[in-house]
Protein backbone atom coordinates (compact mmCIF):
# COMPACT_ATOMS: atom_id res chain seq x y z
CA UNK A 1 -47.77 -18.56 -29.79
CA UNK A 2 -45.71 -20.78 -28.39
CA UNK A 3 -42.70 -19.58 -30.24
CA UNK A 4 -43.61 -16.17 -28.51
CA UNK A 5 -43.95 -17.00 -25.29
CA UNK A 6 -40.82 -19.14 -25.31
CA UNK A 7 -39.01 -16.21 -26.53
CA UNK A 8 -40.64 -13.71 -23.90
CA UNK A 9 -39.56 -16.19 -20.99
CA UNK A 10 -36.20 -15.91 -22.19
CA UNK A 11 -36.04 -12.65 -22.68
CA UNK A 12 -37.10 -12.26 -19.26
CA UNK A 13 -34.46 -14.77 -18.10
CA UNK A 14 -31.98 -12.84 -19.91
CA UNK A 15 -32.96 -9.54 -18.23
CA UNK A 16 -32.84 -10.80 -14.89
CA UNK A 17 -29.79 -12.61 -15.39
CA UNK A 18 -28.07 -9.27 -16.42
CA UNK A 19 -29.54 -7.18 -14.17
CA UNK A 20 -28.17 -9.52 -11.36
CA UNK A 21 -24.69 -9.23 -12.74
CA UNK A 22 -24.98 -5.56 -13.00
CA UNK A 23 -25.99 -5.23 -9.45
CA UNK A 24 -22.59 -7.49 -8.89
CA UNK A 25 -20.60 -4.95 -10.89
CA UNK A 26 -22.30 -2.02 -9.13
CA UNK A 27 -21.19 -3.32 -5.57
CA UNK A 28 -17.83 -4.11 -7.05
CA UNK A 29 -17.48 -0.31 -7.96
CA UNK A 30 -18.49 0.66 -4.87
CA UNK A 31 -15.76 -1.18 -3.47
CA UNK A 32 -13.47 -0.29 -5.52
CA UNK A 33 -14.18 3.37 -4.52
CA UNK A 34 -13.42 2.72 -1.20
CA UNK A 35 -10.16 0.98 -1.84
CA UNK A 36 -8.84 3.81 -4.28
CA UNK A 37 -10.14 6.54 -0.95
CA UNK A 38 -7.34 4.18 1.03
CA UNK A 39 -4.87 3.78 -1.69
CA UNK A 40 -4.84 7.73 -2.42
CA UNK A 41 -4.16 7.87 1.25
CA UNK A 42 -1.57 5.20 1.59
CA UNK A 43 0.12 6.72 -1.21
CA UNK A 44 0.21 10.16 0.54
CA UNK A 45 1.77 8.52 3.35
CA UNK A 46 4.22 6.71 1.39
CA UNK A 47 5.14 10.02 -0.26
CA UNK A 48 5.47 12.05 2.63
CA UNK A 49 7.48 9.27 4.62
CA UNK A 50 10.39 10.25 1.92
CA UNK A 51 10.40 13.78 3.33
CA UNK A 52 9.99 12.42 7.41
CA UNK A 53 12.92 10.15 6.14
CA UNK A 54 15.32 12.54 5.24
CA UNK A 55 14.61 14.64 8.37
CA UNK A 56 14.72 11.63 10.48
CA UNK A 57 18.37 10.51 9.21
CA UNK A 58 19.76 13.89 8.93
CA UNK A 59 21.79 13.06 12.44
CA UNK A 60 22.34 10.08 11.77
CA UNK A 61 26.22 9.05 10.87
CA UNK A 62 28.53 6.07 10.64
CA UNK A 63 31.78 7.37 11.96
CA UNK A 64 34.52 4.75 11.86
CA UNK A 65 35.19 1.79 10.22
CA UNK A 66 33.44 -0.45 13.24
CA UNK A 67 30.38 1.66 12.72
CA UNK A 68 27.65 1.43 15.10
CA UNK A 69 25.43 -1.38 13.91
CA UNK A 70 21.96 0.69 14.91
CA UNK A 71 23.41 3.55 12.45
CA UNK A 72 23.58 0.95 9.81
CA UNK A 73 19.92 -0.30 10.36
CA UNK A 74 18.90 3.07 10.33
CA UNK A 75 20.71 3.78 6.83
CA UNK A 76 18.83 0.72 5.62
CA UNK A 77 15.52 2.60 5.86
CA UNK A 78 16.50 4.77 3.10
CA UNK A 79 16.89 1.60 1.11
CA UNK A 80 14.29 -0.01 2.16
CA UNK A 81 12.13 3.05 1.43
CA UNK A 82 13.08 3.25 -2.12
CA UNK A 83 12.36 -0.51 -2.75
CA UNK A 84 9.12 -0.07 -1.54
CA UNK A 85 8.13 2.52 -3.36
CA UNK A 86 9.35 1.18 -6.52
CA UNK A 87 6.81 -1.72 -5.43
CA UNK A 88 4.03 0.94 -4.50
CA UNK A 89 4.31 2.27 -8.06
CA UNK A 90 4.19 -1.38 -9.51
CA UNK A 91 1.15 -2.00 -7.66
CA UNK A 92 -0.46 1.00 -8.49
CA UNK A 93 0.19 0.57 -12.37
CA UNK A 94 -1.33 -3.14 -11.96
CA UNK A 95 -4.34 -1.69 -10.10
CA UNK A 96 -4.93 1.00 -13.10
CA UNK A 97 -4.79 -1.82 -15.55
CA UNK A 98 -6.64 -4.10 -13.88
CA UNK A 99 -9.65 -1.00 -13.27
CA UNK A 100 -9.59 -0.57 -17.01
CA UNK A 101 -9.85 -4.52 -17.84
CA UNK A 102 -12.86 -4.37 -15.32
CA UNK A 103 -14.36 -1.24 -16.51
CA UNK A 104 -13.65 -2.99 -20.15
CA UNK A 105 -16.10 -6.07 -19.14
CA UNK A 106 -12.65 -8.47 -19.49
CA UNK A 107 -12.42 -9.13 -15.71
CA UNK A 108 -15.53 -11.31 -14.59
CA UNK A 109 -17.02 -10.27 -11.18
CA UNK A 110 -15.91 -13.41 -9.15
CA UNK A 111 -12.31 -12.82 -10.77
CA UNK A 112 -13.04 -9.22 -9.55
CA UNK A 113 -13.55 -9.41 -5.87
CA UNK A 114 -10.81 -12.18 -5.79
CA UNK A 115 -8.66 -9.14 -7.21
CA UNK A 116 -10.08 -6.46 -4.80
CA UNK A 117 -9.13 -8.26 -2.19
CA UNK A 118 -5.36 -8.66 -3.12
CA UNK A 119 -5.42 -5.11 -3.57
CA UNK A 120 -6.67 -4.32 -0.45
CA UNK A 121 -3.93 -6.49 0.92
CA UNK A 122 -1.44 -4.31 -1.19
CA UNK A 123 -2.54 -1.38 1.01
CA UNK A 124 -2.94 -3.08 4.37
CA UNK A 125 0.73 -4.49 3.87
CA UNK A 126 1.85 -0.55 3.11
CA UNK A 127 0.15 0.96 5.89
CA UNK A 128 1.49 -1.80 8.11
CA UNK A 129 5.31 -1.17 6.96
CA UNK A 130 4.68 2.40 7.57
CA UNK A 131 4.06 1.66 10.91
CA UNK A 132 7.28 -0.16 11.57
CA UNK A 133 9.40 2.30 9.74
CA UNK A 134 8.30 4.64 11.87
CA UNK A 135 8.88 2.77 15.07
CA UNK A 136 12.48 2.30 13.32
CA UNK A 137 13.04 5.91 12.51
CA UNK A 138 11.83 6.60 16.16
CA UNK A 139 14.72 4.12 17.44
CA UNK A 140 17.08 6.29 14.92
CA UNK A 141 16.29 9.51 16.26
CA UNK A 142 17.15 7.82 20.02
CA UNK A 143 19.99 6.14 19.15
CA UNK A 144 21.75 9.42 17.11
CA UNK A 145 20.93 11.54 20.14
CA UNK A 146 22.17 9.03 22.20
CA UNK A 147 25.45 9.19 19.98
CA UNK A 148 25.77 13.05 20.13
CA UNK A 149 25.42 12.79 23.80
CA UNK A 150 27.94 10.15 24.12
CA UNK A 151 30.11 12.85 22.17
CA UNK A 152 29.62 15.63 24.45
CA UNK A 153 29.76 13.99 27.70
CA UNK A 154 31.70 11.03 27.42
CA UNK A 155 30.49 7.43 27.99
CA UNK A 156 26.63 7.01 28.81
CA UNK A 157 25.47 4.64 31.52
CA UNK A 158 22.03 3.24 30.60
CA UNK A 159 20.32 2.04 34.13
């Protein structure tokens, strides 16, 4: 009888521990779902940025050996975008691999929470980067317009 009671008590404790672990994993899955929505939205913005960049830089030209430093900075946007795109793809592959390990039970819940924070930071970093690029591209467009006007009307005097 004592063995039965000990077994029953042990079974209840085990079931309770597993239920708590499953609740944590369910909460992590819910957080993963939210991050994946943000990730997809950021991925769309990263991909669309390439089109915006191409359109925005079409009027930026380096005309002389003593090139305008603003024009050079504008053209570095393309290089920055290409490097960031590669990094984004690396982060995406890392997230996909991590997600599979989580689903397979290889990643512990505490480690999963830490990893999710890191993946969320990746999304936030790229969103910030996209905003900074937009500001830089707007400056490039302004610089290109000023250069065109200068070419048409001579030197431009800024007040």
